């Protein structure tokens, strides 16, 4: 289910408050696109210590279910 722009902003703030991401940008392509950009706190690829994940793009629901209890 798509989230509203206000819900995505709240999800992004809660993810940053929980310490699971150092930066979250809600609505990076405008309020009508269900997307949140995240830079996880542990941004190295687990299987390879030299590869770095710069940004992860998720829908509001995916970000909420992945990062928040």
Protein backbone atom coordinates (compact mmCIF):
# COMPACT_ATOMS: atom_id res chain seq x y z
CA UNK A 1 0.00 0.00 0.00
CA UNK A 2 1.41 3.37 -0.98
CA UNK A 3 2.25 5.82 1.78
CA UNK A 4 1.51 9.54 1.76
CA UNK A 5 4.22 12.20 1.70
CA UNK A 6 3.59 12.97 5.38
CA UNK A 7 3.82 9.28 6.33
CA UNK A 8 7.12 8.93 4.45
CA UNK A 9 8.53 11.96 6.26
CA UNK A 10 7.56 10.46 9.63
CA UNK A 11 9.03 7.06 8.66
CA UNK A 12 12.31 8.72 7.59
CA UNK A 13 12.55 10.68 10.85
CA UNK A 14 11.87 7.56 12.92
CA UNK A 15 14.52 5.56 11.06
CA UNK A 16 17.12 8.26 11.73
CA UNK A 17 16.05 8.53 15.39
CA UNK A 18 16.48 4.77 15.78
CA UNK A 19 20.07 5.06 14.51
CA UNK A 20 19.62 2.56 11.69
CA UNK A 21 20.40 5.10 8.98
CA UNK A 22 22.57 8.19 9.04
CA UNK A 23 20.53 10.02 6.40
CA UNK A 24 16.97 9.48 5.18
CA UNK A 25 15.38 11.62 2.50
CA UNK A 26 11.64 11.29 2.24
CA UNK A 27 10.02 12.17 -1.08
CA UNK A 28 13.27 12.63 -3.05
CA UNK A 29 11.40 12.92 -6.37
CA UNK A 30 8.39 14.82 -5.09
CA UNK A 31 5.40 14.09 -2.89
CA UNK A 32 3.61 11.95 -5.48
CA UNK A 33 6.37 9.30 -5.71
CA UNK A 34 6.33 6.66 -2.96
CA UNK A 35 10.07 6.64 -2.23
CA UNK A 36 12.54 7.15 0.60
CA UNK A 37 16.31 7.33 0.09
CA UNK A 38 18.38 5.87 2.94
CA UNK A 39 22.07 5.73 3.75
CA UNK A 40 22.27 2.85 6.24
CA UNK A 41 24.51 3.24 9.28
CA UNK A 42 26.34 0.04 8.25
CA UNK A 43 26.72 0.81 4.59
CA UNK A 44 29.36 -1.80 3.73
CA UNK A 45 28.14 -4.80 1.77
CA UNK A 46 28.19 -7.67 4.33
CA UNK A 47 29.90 -10.18 2.03
CA UNK A 48 32.55 -7.76 0.81
CA UNK A 49 34.17 -5.19 3.11
CA UNK A 50 35.40 -3.06 0.21
CA UNK A 51 32.06 -2.53 -1.55
CA UNK A 52 29.96 0.32 -0.18
CA UNK A 53 26.25 0.86 -0.60
CA UNK A 54 25.81 4.60 -1.11
CA UNK A 55 22.02 4.94 -1.15
CA UNK A 56 19.15 2.52 -0.84
CA UNK A 57 15.80 3.51 -2.33
CA UNK A 58 12.70 1.95 -0.81
CA UNK A 59 8.99 2.55 -0.83
CA UNK A 60 7.53 3.93 2.38
CA UNK A 61 6.04 0.56 3.39
CA UNK A 62 9.27 -1.33 2.63
CA UNK A 63 11.35 1.15 4.66
CA UNK A 64 8.89 0.96 7.54
CA UNK A 65 8.83 -2.84 7.64
CA UNK A 66 12.62 -3.24 7.13
CA UNK A 67 13.93 -0.65 9.60
CA UNK A 68 11.22 -0.20 12.22
CA UNK A 69 9.66 -2.79 14.54
